[in-house]
């Protein structure tokens, strides 16, 4: 994997809206945070455009993203928010200039499209982290903002995770890939679908019915994406729903059931995903060490190449 250069004070950060429409408060929240870190902020024209629920039509959003990819003075590109829409523009983007001068792409949720494409097609690391839409709920010293700042400036973080009886114990090392489960599921069969063999897979999700989680995990299982993993990290499974006739399993149990036949470590309740000010930054495409336990503190640790 290619590791883009980490940032230094004075570098420029580009803001993009590849999915749902944004308003001025989100952009200003981003500007305030990044400028307080000594960074310059670049905002594309028409960032406040709206086309239905999207931040402008596909051509406008693609052009804005392309301008950030091609601008050599921009050293990181941060998605302002998620929602839906990045998949509609991914195949319109030309990464040739980007590959000559790689930079960090940052976001989570719907931005998982970009993460998966970068790791699978281009072999470039990216940062799964809190987005400006969440900045107003984060204090200046929140773990989400602190971990994002440290990730951008190349200060590797080690994370401790409380043990859980549902974990499967074990230790693994490997490249971590993944992101939002619904988005990964939607990418199956495309060039952007992640090859998970020998990898550590991260999944998280928001606002889904439990049977949807089961359907998606069964699809990953049938596609061979859960067979050869080194390990599985399960982030937030937030605001899950059940039907009037209960499914009979929690979302966490559904995920554990899907990998029951395998013997790699499985860590639940990792601090990634739709968990507000607790959403830590994780360098997707990087090598990590995973230590999972049912009764001892668990760890996610960067591994030097």
C-alpha atoms as a PDB file:
ATOM      1  CA  UNK A   1       0.000   0.000   0.000  1.00  0.00           C
ATOM      2  CA  UNK A   2       1.077   3.578  -0.723  1.00  0.00           C
ATOM      3  CA  UNK A   3       1.123   5.853   2.326  1.00  0.00           C
ATOM      4  CA  UNK A   4       0.484   9.499   1.356  1.00  0.00           C
ATOM      5  CA  UNK A   5       2.692  12.143   3.008  1.00  0.00           C
ATOM      6  CA  UNK A   6       1.435  13.222   6.406  1.00  0.00           C
ATOM      7  CA  UNK A   7       0.486  16.852   6.907  1.00  0.00           C
ATOM      8  CA  UNK A   8       2.471  19.678   8.418  1.00  0.00           C
ATOM      9  CA  UNK A   9       1.315  23.122   9.522  1.00  0.00           C
ATOM     10  CA  UNK A  10       0.573  25.383   6.586  1.00  0.00           C
ATOM     11  CA  UNK A  11      -0.679  22.555   4.370  1.00  0.00           C
ATOM     12  CA  UNK A  12      -4.047  22.825   2.633  1.00  0.00           C
ATOM     13  CA  UNK A  13      -7.089  20.647   3.300  1.00  0.00           C
ATOM     14  CA  UNK A  14      -9.823  20.448   0.673  1.00  0.00           C
ATOM     15  CA  UNK A  15     -13.461  20.026   1.663  1.00  0.00           C
ATOM     16  CA  UNK A  16     -15.829  18.030  -0.554  1.00  0.00           C
ATOM     17  CA  UNK A  17     -19.499  17.090  -0.531  1.00  0.00           C
ATOM     18  CA  UNK A  18     -19.676  13.815  -2.476  1.00  0.00           C
ATOM     19  CA  UNK A  19     -23.005  12.720  -1.032  1.00  0.00           C
ATOM     20  CA  UNK A  20     -25.777  14.556   0.830  1.00  0.00           C
ATOM     21  CA  UNK A  21     -26.125  18.331   0.641  1.00  0.00           C
ATOM     22  CA  UNK A  22     -24.369  20.494   3.229  1.00  0.00           C
ATOM     23  CA  UNK A  23     -24.990  23.912   4.717  1.00  0.00           C
ATOM     24  CA  UNK A  24     -22.716  26.724   5.806  1.00  0.00           C
ATOM     25  CA  UNK A  25     -22.594  25.568   9.424  1.00  0.00           C
ATOM     26  CA  UNK A  26     -20.836  22.320   8.442  1.00  0.00           C
ATOM     27  CA  UNK A  27     -18.261  24.086   6.288  1.00  0.00           C
ATOM     28  CA  UNK A  28     -17.574  26.688   8.973  1.00  0.00           C
ATOM     29  CA  UNK A  29     -17.207  23.993  11.630  1.00  0.00           C
ATOM     30  CA  UNK A  30     -14.579  22.352   9.426  1.00  0.00           C
ATOM     31  CA  UNK A  31     -12.829  25.635   8.741  1.00  0.00           C
ATOM     32  CA  UNK A  32     -12.635  26.495  12.446  1.00  0.00           C
ATOM     33  CA  UNK A  33     -11.167  23.120  13.417  1.00  0.00           C
ATOM     34  CA  UNK A  34      -8.636  22.792  10.611  1.00  0.00           C
ATOM     35  CA  UNK A  35      -7.427  26.381  10.864  1.00  0.00           C
ATOM     36  CA  UNK A  36      -6.955  25.919  14.621  1.00  0.00           C
ATOM     37  CA  UNK A  37      -4.566  23.082  13.700  1.00  0.00           C
ATOM     38  CA  UNK A  38      -2.524  25.435  11.502  1.00  0.00           C
ATOM     39  CA  UNK A  39      -3.952  24.171   8.214  1.00  0.00           C
ATOM     40  CA  UNK A  40      -5.372  26.115   5.280  1.00  0.00           C
ATOM     41  CA  UNK A  41      -8.866  25.260   4.036  1.00  0.00           C
ATOM     42  CA  UNK A  42      -9.868  25.055   0.379  1.00  0.00           C
ATOM     43  CA  UNK A  43     -13.555  24.936  -0.501  1.00  0.00           C
ATOM     44  CA  UNK A  44     -14.693  24.186  -4.077  1.00  0.00           C
ATOM     45  CA  UNK A  45     -17.191  26.380  -5.870  1.00  0.00           C
ATOM     46  CA  UNK A  46     -20.873  25.423  -5.513  1.00  0.00           C
ATOM     47  CA  UNK A  47     -20.260  23.434  -2.311  1.00  0.00           C
ATOM     48  CA  UNK A  48     -23.760  24.466  -1.181  1.00  0.00           C
ATOM     49  CA  UNK A  49     -25.470  23.222  -4.345  1.00  0.00           C
ATOM     50  CA  UNK A  50     -28.459  20.940  -3.936  1.00  0.00           C
ATOM     51  CA  UNK A  51     -30.032  18.418  -6.281  1.00  0.00           C
ATOM     52  CA  UNK A  52     -32.748  16.593  -4.388  1.00  0.00           C
ATOM     53  CA  UNK A  53     -30.955  15.406  -1.256  1.00  0.00           C
ATOM     54  CA  UNK A  54     -27.586  15.408  -3.004  1.00  0.00           C
ATOM     55  CA  UNK A  55     -24.964  18.180  -2.929  1.00  0.00           C
ATOM     56  CA  UNK A  56     -25.537  18.994  -6.579  1.00  0.00           C
ATOM     57  CA  UNK A  57     -25.942  16.687  -9.559  1.00  0.00           C
ATOM     58  CA  UNK A  58     -23.452  13.915 -10.263  1.00  0.00           C
ATOM     59  CA  UNK A  59     -21.395  15.981 -12.698  1.00  0.00           C
ATOM     60  CA  UNK A  60     -21.018  18.891 -10.273  1.00  0.00           C
ATOM     61  CA  UNK A  61     -20.014  16.653  -7.349  1.00  0.00           C
ATOM     62  CA  UNK A  62     -17.580  14.703  -9.520  1.00  0.00           C
ATOM     63  CA  UNK A  63     -15.994  17.901 -10.835  1.00  0.00           C
ATOM     64  CA  UNK A  64     -15.565  19.238  -7.302  1.00  0.00           C
ATOM     65  CA  UNK A  65     -13.919  16.017  -6.164  1.00  0.00           C
ATOM     66  CA  UNK A  66     -11.750  15.929  -9.285  1.00  0.00           C
ATOM     67  CA  UNK A  67     -10.514  19.445  -8.609  1.00  0.00           C
ATOM     68  CA  UNK A  68      -9.390  18.412  -5.129  1.00  0.00           C
ATOM     69  CA  UNK A  69      -7.697  15.248  -6.440  1.00  0.00           C
ATOM     70  CA  UNK A  70      -5.816  17.229  -9.090  1.00  0.00           C
ATOM     71  CA  UNK A  71      -4.756  20.189  -6.942  1.00  0.00           C
ATOM     72  CA  UNK A  72      -1.197  19.402  -5.859  1.00  0.00           C
ATOM     73  CA  UNK A  73      -1.342  22.078  -3.170  1.00  0.00           C
ATOM     74  CA  UNK A  74      -4.151  20.198  -1.379  1.00  0.00           C
ATOM     75  CA  UNK A  75      -2.588  17.551   0.872  1.00  0.00           C
ATOM     76  CA  UNK A  76      -5.782  16.008   2.271  1.00  0.00           C
ATOM     77  CA  UNK A  77      -9.377  15.838   1.054  1.00  0.00           C
ATOM     78  CA  UNK A  78     -12.076  15.600   3.730  1.00  0.00           C
ATOM     79  CA  UNK A  79     -15.673  14.570   3.067  1.00  0.00           C
ATOM     80  CA  UNK A  80     -18.000  17.038   4.769  1.00  0.00           C
ATOM     81  CA  UNK A  81     -20.681  14.434   5.421  1.00  0.00           C
ATOM     82  CA  UNK A  82     -22.064  11.066   4.357  1.00  0.00           C
ATOM     83  CA  UNK A  83     -25.592  10.039   3.505  1.00  0.00           C
ATOM     84  CA  UNK A  84     -25.651   8.649  -0.023  1.00  0.00           C
ATOM     85  CA  UNK A  85     -24.173   9.551  -3.373  1.00  0.00           C
ATOM     86  CA  UNK A  86     -20.449   8.799  -3.583  1.00  0.00           C
ATOM     87  CA  UNK A  87     -21.052   5.599  -5.551  1.00  0.00           C
ATOM     88  CA  UNK A  88     -22.742   7.682  -8.264  1.00  0.00           C
ATOM     89  CA  UNK A  89     -19.519   9.565  -9.028  1.00  0.00           C
ATOM     90  CA  UNK A  90     -16.694   7.104  -8.326  1.00  0.00           C
ATOM     91  CA  UNK A  91     -16.469   5.930 -11.956  1.00  0.00           C
ATOM     92  CA  UNK A  92     -16.377   9.513 -13.235  1.00  0.00           C
ATOM     93  CA  UNK A  93     -13.144  10.253 -11.375  1.00  0.00           C
ATOM     94  CA  UNK A  94      -9.677  10.180 -12.936  1.00  0.00           C
ATOM     95  CA  UNK A  95      -7.057   9.230 -10.350  1.00  0.00           C
ATOM     96  CA  UNK A  96      -4.022   9.523 -12.643  1.00  0.00           C
ATOM     97  CA  UNK A  97      -2.893  12.917 -11.259  1.00  0.00           C
ATOM     98  CA  UNK A  98      -3.701  11.757  -7.735  1.00  0.00           C
ATOM     99  CA  UNK A  99      -1.458   8.703  -8.159  1.00  0.00           C
ATOM    100  CA  UNK A 100       1.442  10.937  -9.174  1.00  0.00           C
ATOM    101  CA  UNK A 101       1.024  12.866  -5.925  1.00  0.00           C
ATOM    102  CA  UNK A 102      -1.095  10.842  -3.453  1.00  0.00           C
ATOM    103  CA  UNK A 103      -2.889  12.615  -0.638  1.00  0.00           C
ATOM    104  CA  UNK A 104      -5.047  11.573   2.289  1.00  0.00           C
ATOM    105  CA  UNK A 105      -8.777  11.082   1.680  1.00  0.00           C
ATOM    106  CA  UNK A 106     -10.799  11.264   4.888  1.00  0.00           C
ATOM    107  CA  UNK A 107     -14.333  10.269   5.875  1.00  0.00           C
ATOM    108  CA  UNK A 108     -16.549   7.373   6.884  1.00  0.00           C
ATOM    109  CA  UNK A 109     -20.074   6.051   6.269  1.00  0.00           C
ATOM    110  CA  UNK A 110     -20.931   6.635   2.570  1.00  0.00           C
ATOM    111  CA  UNK A 111     -17.284   7.610   1.968  1.00  0.00           C
ATOM    112  CA  UNK A 112     -16.535   3.895   2.360  1.00  0.00           C
ATOM    113  CA  UNK A 113     -16.984   3.807  -1.428  1.00  0.00           C
ATOM    114  CA  UNK A 114     -13.846   5.915  -1.765  1.00  0.00           C
ATOM    115  CA  UNK A 115     -11.911   3.919   0.840  1.00  0.00           C
ATOM    116  CA  UNK A 116     -12.662   0.592  -0.830  1.00  0.00           C
ATOM    117  CA  UNK A 117     -11.791   1.944  -4.279  1.00  0.00           C
ATOM    118  CA  UNK A 118      -8.505   3.392  -3.049  1.00  0.00           C
ATOM    119  CA  UNK A 119      -7.385   0.187  -1.372  1.00  0.00           C
ATOM    120  CA  UNK A 120      -8.670  -2.307  -3.950  1.00  0.00           C
ATOM    121  CA  UNK A 121      -7.995  -0.498  -7.242  1.00  0.00           C
ATOM    122  CA  UNK A 122      -5.207   1.958  -6.416  1.00  0.00           C
ATOM    123  CA  UNK A 123      -3.400   0.470  -3.425  1.00  0.00           C
ATOM    124  CA  UNK A 124      -3.462   3.690  -1.400  1.00  0.00           C
ATOM    125  CA  UNK A 125      -4.111   4.154   2.316  1.00  0.00           C
ATOM    126  CA  UNK A 126      -6.875   6.471   3.525  1.00  0.00           C
ATOM    127  CA  UNK A 127      -8.319   7.664   6.825  1.00  0.00           C
ATOM    128  CA  UNK A 128     -11.617   6.385   8.233  1.00  0.00           C
ATOM    129  CA  UNK A 129     -12.553   9.148  10.670  1.00  0.00           C
ATOM    130  CA  UNK A 130     -15.074  11.665  11.939  1.00  0.00           C
ATOM    131  CA  UNK A 131     -16.415  14.170   9.379  1.00  0.00           C
ATOM    132  CA  UNK A 132     -17.242  17.877   9.770  1.00  0.00           C
ATOM    133  CA  UNK A 133     -20.973  17.131   9.998  1.00  0.00           C
ATOM    134  CA  UNK A 134     -20.117  15.668  13.423  1.00  0.00           C
ATOM    135  CA  UNK A 135     -17.695  18.408  14.514  1.00  0.00           C
ATOM    136  CA  UNK A 136     -20.357  20.489  16.359  1.00  0.00           C
ATOM    137  CA  UNK A 137     -20.978  17.597  18.764  1.00  0.00           C
ATOM    138  CA  UNK A 138     -17.236  17.239  19.464  1.00  0.00           C
ATOM    139  CA  UNK A 139     -15.353  19.277  22.036  1.00  0.00           C
ATOM    140  CA  UNK A 140     -11.934  20.531  20.983  1.00  0.00           C
ATOM    141  CA  UNK A 141     -10.359  17.766  23.068  1.00  0.00           C
ATOM    142  CA  UNK A 142     -12.782  15.006  22.036  1.00  0.00           C
ATOM    143  CA  UNK A 143     -11.184  11.688  21.159  1.00  0.00           C
ATOM    144  CA  UNK A 144     -12.667  11.896  17.646  1.00  0.00           C
ATOM    145  CA  UNK A 145     -11.013  15.213  16.792  1.00  0.00           C
ATOM    146  CA  UNK A 146      -7.773  14.418  18.615  1.00  0.00           C
ATOM    147  CA  UNK A 147      -7.383  11.111  16.769  1.00  0.00           C
ATOM    148  CA  UNK A 148      -8.157  12.746  13.415  1.00  0.00           C
ATOM    149  CA  UNK A 149      -5.545  15.437  14.020  1.00  0.00           C
ATOM    150  CA  UNK A 150      -2.969  12.862  15.071  1.00  0.00           C
ATOM    151  CA  UNK A 151      -3.737  10.690  12.026  1.00  0.00           C
ATOM    152  CA  UNK A 152      -3.346  13.602   9.602  1.00  0.00           C
ATOM    153  CA  UNK A 153      -0.033  14.642  11.159  1.00  0.00           C
ATOM    154  CA  UNK A 154       1.333  11.083  11.272  1.00  0.00           C
ATOM    155  CA  UNK A 155       1.115  10.477  15.014  1.00  0.00           C
ATOM    156  CA  UNK A 156       0.021   6.840  15.175  1.00  0.00           C
ATOM    157  CA  UNK A 157      -2.564   5.988  17.831  1.00  0.00           C
ATOM    158  CA  UNK A 158      -2.987   2.726  19.728  1.00  0.00           C
ATOM    159  CA  UNK A 159      -6.528   1.992  20.905  1.00  0.00           C
ATOM    160  CA  UNK A 160      -7.731   0.082  23.934  1.00  0.00           C
ATOM    161  CA  UNK A 161     -11.160  -1.562  23.750  1.00  0.00           C
ATOM    162  CA  UNK A 162     -13.079  -3.003  26.676  1.00  0.00           C
ATOM    163  CA  UNK A 163     -13.408  -6.803  26.572  1.00  0.00           C
ATOM    164  CA  UNK A 164     -16.747  -8.438  25.772  1.00  0.00           C
ATOM    165  CA  UNK A 165     -18.094 -11.938  26.236  1.00  0.00           C
ATOM    166  CA  UNK A 166     -19.143 -11.992  22.573  1.00  0.00           C
ATOM    167  CA  UNK A 167     -15.583 -11.417  21.331  1.00  0.00           C
ATOM    168  CA  UNK A 168     -13.563 -14.296  19.940  1.00  0.00           C
ATOM    169  CA  UNK A 169     -10.137 -14.310  21.494  1.00  0.00           C
ATOM    170  CA  UNK A 170      -6.958 -14.194  19.509  1.00  0.00           C
ATOM    171  CA  UNK A 171      -4.214 -12.080  17.987  1.00  0.00           C
ATOM    172  CA  UNK A 172      -3.762 -11.164  14.333  1.00  0.00           C
ATOM    173  CA  UNK A 173      -1.731  -8.856  12.121  1.00  0.00           C
ATOM    174  CA  UNK A 174      -2.667  -7.634   8.678  1.00  0.00           C
ATOM    175  CA  UNK A 175      -3.849  -4.832   6.442  1.00  0.00           C
ATOM    176  CA  UNK A 176      -7.154  -3.385   7.635  1.00  0.00           C
ATOM    177  CA  UNK A 177      -9.874  -2.674   5.055  1.00  0.00           C
ATOM    178  CA  UNK A 178     -13.610  -2.050   5.053  1.00  0.00           C
ATOM    179  CA  UNK A 179     -15.894   0.509   6.633  1.00  0.00           C
ATOM    180  CA  UNK A 180     -19.660   0.753   6.456  1.00  0.00           C
ATOM    181  CA  UNK A 181     -21.264  -2.681   6.039  1.00  0.00           C
ATOM    182  CA  UNK A 182     -24.159  -1.472   3.868  1.00  0.00           C
ATOM    183  CA  UNK A 183     -21.750   0.232   1.485  1.00  0.00           C
ATOM    184  CA  UNK A 184     -19.413  -2.772   1.298  1.00  0.00           C
ATOM    185  CA  UNK A 185     -22.461  -4.915   0.519  1.00  0.00           C
ATOM    186  CA  UNK A 186     -23.506  -2.515  -2.253  1.00  0.00           C
ATOM    187  CA  UNK A 187     -20.052  -2.700  -3.873  1.00  0.00           C
ATOM    188  CA  UNK A 188     -20.004  -6.488  -4.301  1.00  0.00           C
ATOM    189  CA  UNK A 189     -19.468  -7.414  -7.939  1.00  0.00           C
ATOM    190  CA  UNK A 190     -17.799  -4.097  -8.781  1.00  0.00           C
ATOM    191  CA  UNK A 191     -14.112  -3.308  -9.232  1.00  0.00           C
ATOM    192  CA  UNK A 192     -14.218  -1.455  -5.905  1.00  0.00           C
ATOM    193  CA  UNK A 193     -15.317  -4.472  -3.836  1.00  0.00           C
ATOM    194  CA  UNK A 194     -12.562  -5.213  -1.317  1.00  0.00           C
ATOM    195  CA  UNK A 195     -10.493  -8.371  -1.545  1.00  0.00           C
ATOM    196  CA  UNK A 196     -10.533  -9.397   2.104  1.00  0.00           C
ATOM    197  CA  UNK A 197      -8.312 -12.487   1.903  1.00  0.00           C
ATOM    198  CA  UNK A 198      -5.519 -12.223   4.439  1.00  0.00           C
ATOM    199  CA  UNK A 199      -6.884  -8.878   5.667  1.00  0.00           C
ATOM    200  CA  UNK A 200      -8.465  -7.589   8.857  1.00  0.00           C
ATOM    201  CA  UNK A 201     -11.991  -6.443   7.998  1.00  0.00           C
ATOM    202  CA  UNK A 202     -13.726  -3.499   9.687  1.00  0.00           C
ATOM    203  CA  UNK A 203     -17.532  -3.279   9.586  1.00  0.00           C
ATOM    204  CA  UNK A 204     -19.920  -0.798  11.193  1.00  0.00           C
ATOM    205  CA  UNK A 205     -23.415   0.458  10.432  1.00  0.00           C
ATOM    206  CA  UNK A 206     -26.266   2.767  11.397  1.00  0.00           C
ATOM    207  CA  UNK A 207     -30.065   2.718  11.340  1.00  0.00           C
ATOM    208  CA  UNK A 208     -30.571  -0.768   9.898  1.00  0.00           C
ATOM    209  CA  UNK A 209     -33.017  -3.534  10.667  1.00  0.00           C
ATOM    210  CA  UNK A 210     -31.385  -6.547  12.263  1.00  0.00           C
ATOM    211  CA  UNK A 211     -32.505  -8.804   9.433  1.00  0.00           C
ATOM    212  CA  UNK A 212     -30.793  -6.410   6.993  1.00  0.00           C
ATOM    213  CA  UNK A 213     -27.543  -6.930   8.915  1.00  0.00           C
ATOM    214  CA  UNK A 214     -28.078 -10.687   8.671  1.00  0.00           C
ATOM    215  CA  UNK A 215     -28.773 -10.515   4.921  1.00  0.00           C
ATOM    216  CA  UNK A 216     -25.626  -8.467   4.318  1.00  0.00           C
ATOM    217  CA  UNK A 217     -23.412 -10.699   6.451  1.00  0.00           C
ATOM    218  CA  UNK A 218     -24.781 -13.801   4.726  1.00  0.00           C
ATOM    219  CA  UNK A 219     -23.996 -12.214   1.358  1.00  0.00           C
ATOM    220  CA  UNK A 220     -20.415 -11.491   2.431  1.00  0.00           C
ATOM    221  CA  UNK A 221     -20.183 -15.066   3.658  1.00  0.00           C
ATOM    222  CA  UNK A 222     -21.478 -16.547   0.402  1.00  0.00           C
ATOM    223  CA  UNK A 223     -19.085 -14.351  -1.589  1.00  0.00           C
ATOM    224  CA  UNK A 224     -16.113 -15.754   0.319  1.00  0.00           C
ATOM    225  CA  UNK A 225     -15.319 -12.424   1.972  1.00  0.00           C
ATOM    226  CA  UNK A 226     -15.341 -13.848   5.495  1.00  0.00           C
ATOM    227  CA  UNK A 227     -13.392 -17.051   4.818  1.00  0.00           C
ATOM    228  CA  UNK A 228      -9.766 -16.003   4.713  1.00  0.00           C
ATOM    229  CA  UNK A 229      -9.747 -13.088   7.116  1.00  0.00           C
ATOM    230  CA  UNK A 230      -6.956 -12.535   9.592  1.00  0.00           C
ATOM    231  CA  UNK A 231      -9.462 -10.911  11.911  1.00  0.00           C
ATOM    232  CA  UNK A 232     -12.753  -9.007  12.146  1.00  0.00           C
ATOM    233  CA  UNK A 233     -13.288  -5.643  13.844  1.00  0.00           C
ATOM    234  CA  UNK A 234     -16.888  -4.645  14.504  1.00  0.00           C
ATOM    235  CA  UNK A 235     -17.385  -0.952  15.159  1.00  0.00           C
ATOM    236  CA  UNK A 236     -20.618   0.755  16.107  1.00  0.00           C
ATOM    237  CA  UNK A 237     -23.838  -1.041  15.237  1.00  0.00           C
ATOM    238  CA  UNK A 238     -25.842   2.036  16.076  1.00  0.00           C
ATOM    239  CA  UNK A 239     -29.610   2.567  16.279  1.00  0.00           C
ATOM    240  CA  UNK A 240     -30.473  -0.923  15.103  1.00  0.00           C
ATOM    241  CA  UNK A 241     -34.163  -1.775  14.601  1.00  0.00           C
ATOM    242  CA  UNK A 242     -36.242  -4.908  14.979  1.00  0.00           C
ATOM    243  CA  UNK A 243     -39.582  -5.883  13.449  1.00  0.00           C
ATOM    244  CA  UNK A 244     -42.888  -6.318  15.250  1.00  0.00           C
ATOM    245  CA  UNK A 245     -42.099 -10.031  15.083  1.00  0.00           C
ATOM    246  CA  UNK A 246     -38.570 -10.004  16.565  1.00  0.00           C
ATOM    247  CA  UNK A 247     -35.714 -11.446  14.542  1.00  0.00           C
ATOM    248  CA  UNK A 248     -34.560 -13.269  17.661  1.00  0.00           C
ATOM    249  CA  UNK A 249     -30.920 -12.157  17.618  1.00  0.00           C
ATOM    250  CA  UNK A 250     -29.175  -8.868  18.276  1.00  0.00           C
ATOM    251  CA  UNK A 251     -27.124  -7.253  15.506  1.00  0.00           C
ATOM    252  CA  UNK A 252     -23.937  -8.226  17.336  1.00  0.00           C
ATOM    253  CA  UNK A 253     -25.073 -11.841  17.575  1.00  0.00           C
ATOM    254  CA  UNK A 254     -25.954 -11.837  13.872  1.00  0.00           C
ATOM    255  CA  UNK A 255     -22.418 -10.758  12.968  1.00  0.00           C
ATOM    256  CA  UNK A 256     -20.868 -13.303  15.322  1.00  0.00           C
ATOM    257  CA  UNK A 257     -23.093 -16.085  13.909  1.00  0.00           C
ATOM    258  CA  UNK A 258     -21.904 -15.326  10.355  1.00  0.00           C
ATOM    259  CA  UNK A 259     -18.271 -16.025  11.295  1.00  0.00           C
ATOM    260  CA  UNK A 260     -18.878 -18.786  13.823  1.00  0.00           C
ATOM    261  CA  UNK A 261     -17.288 -21.470  11.621  1.00  0.00           C
ATOM    262  CA  UNK A 262     -13.969 -19.600  11.454  1.00  0.00           C
ATOM    263  CA  UNK A 263     -11.281 -19.253  14.117  1.00  0.00           C
ATOM    264  CA  UNK A 264      -9.805 -15.768  13.665  1.00  0.00           C
ATOM    265  CA  UNK A 265     -10.169 -13.110  16.374  1.00  0.00           C
ATOM    266  CA  UNK A 266     -13.350 -11.032  16.409  1.00  0.00           C
ATOM    267  CA  UNK A 267     -13.494  -7.747  18.323  1.00  0.00           C
ATOM    268  CA  UNK A 268     -16.799  -6.001  19.009  1.00  0.00           C
ATOM    269  CA  UNK A 269     -17.570  -2.445  20.113  1.00  0.00           C
ATOM    270  CA  UNK A 270     -14.432  -1.009  18.526  1.00  0.00           C
ATOM    271  CA  UNK A 271     -14.450   2.826  18.545  1.00  0.00           C
ATOM    272  CA  UNK A 272     -15.192   3.361  14.857  1.00  0.00           C
ATOM    273  CA  UNK A 273     -18.293   4.434  12.960  1.00  0.00           C
ATOM    274  CA  UNK A 274     -21.506   6.238  13.830  1.00  0.00           C
ATOM    275  CA  UNK A 275     -20.663   6.873  17.473  1.00  0.00           C
ATOM    276  CA  UNK A 276     -20.358  10.665  17.487  1.00  0.00           C
ATOM    277  CA  UNK A 277     -17.499  12.188  19.445  1.00  0.00           C
ATOM    278  CA  UNK A 278     -16.054   8.719  20.183  1.00  0.00           C
ATOM    279  CA  UNK A 279     -15.364   7.869  16.509  1.00  0.00           C
ATOM    280  CA  UNK A 280     -11.599   7.357  16.295  1.00  0.00           C
ATOM    281  CA  UNK A 281      -9.456   7.623  13.189  1.00  0.00           C
ATOM    282  CA  UNK A 282      -8.162   4.431  11.569  1.00  0.00           C
ATOM    283  CA  UNK A 283      -5.738   4.265   8.635  1.00  0.00           C
ATOM    284  CA  UNK A 284      -7.392   1.873   6.209  1.00  0.00           C
ATOM    285  CA  UNK A 285      -4.880   0.014   4.072  1.00  0.00           C
ATOM    286  CA  UNK A 286      -2.311   0.130   6.878  1.00  0.00           C
ATOM    287  CA  UNK A 287      -0.917  -2.794   8.845  1.00  0.00           C
ATOM    288  CA  UNK A 288      -2.335  -3.242  12.330  1.00  0.00           C
ATOM    289  CA  UNK A 289      -2.134  -5.721  15.179  1.00  0.00           C
ATOM    290  CA  UNK A 290      -5.438  -6.867  16.658  1.00  0.00           C
ATOM    291  CA  UNK A 291      -5.662  -8.384  20.138  1.00  0.00           C
ATOM    292  CA  UNK A 292      -9.127  -9.556  21.154  1.00  0.00           C
ATOM    293  CA  UNK A 293     -10.173 -10.997  24.507  1.00  0.00           C
ATOM    294  CA  UNK A 294     -13.326 -11.797  26.457  1.00  0.00           C
ATOM    295  CA  UNK A 295     -11.914 -10.777  29.830  1.00  0.00           C
ATOM    296  CA  UNK A 296      -8.826  -8.620  29.273  1.00  0.00           C
ATOM    297  CA  UNK A 297      -8.327  -5.219  27.675  1.00  0.00           C
ATOM    298  CA  UNK A 298      -8.235  -5.494  23.869  1.00  0.00           C
ATOM    299  CA  UNK A 299      -5.880  -3.551  21.601  1.00  0.00           C
ATOM    300  CA  UNK A 300      -5.640  -2.204  18.064  1.00  0.00           C
ATOM    301  CA  UNK A 301      -2.061  -1.173  17.352  1.00  0.00           C
ATOM    302  CA  UNK A 302      -0.327   0.151  14.226  1.00  0.00           C
ATOM    303  CA  UNK A 303       2.452  -2.093  12.908  1.00  0.00           C
ATOM    304  CA  UNK A 304       5.480  -0.514  11.280  1.00  0.00           C
ATOM    305  CA  UNK A 305       6.108  -1.932   7.811  1.00  0.00           C
END
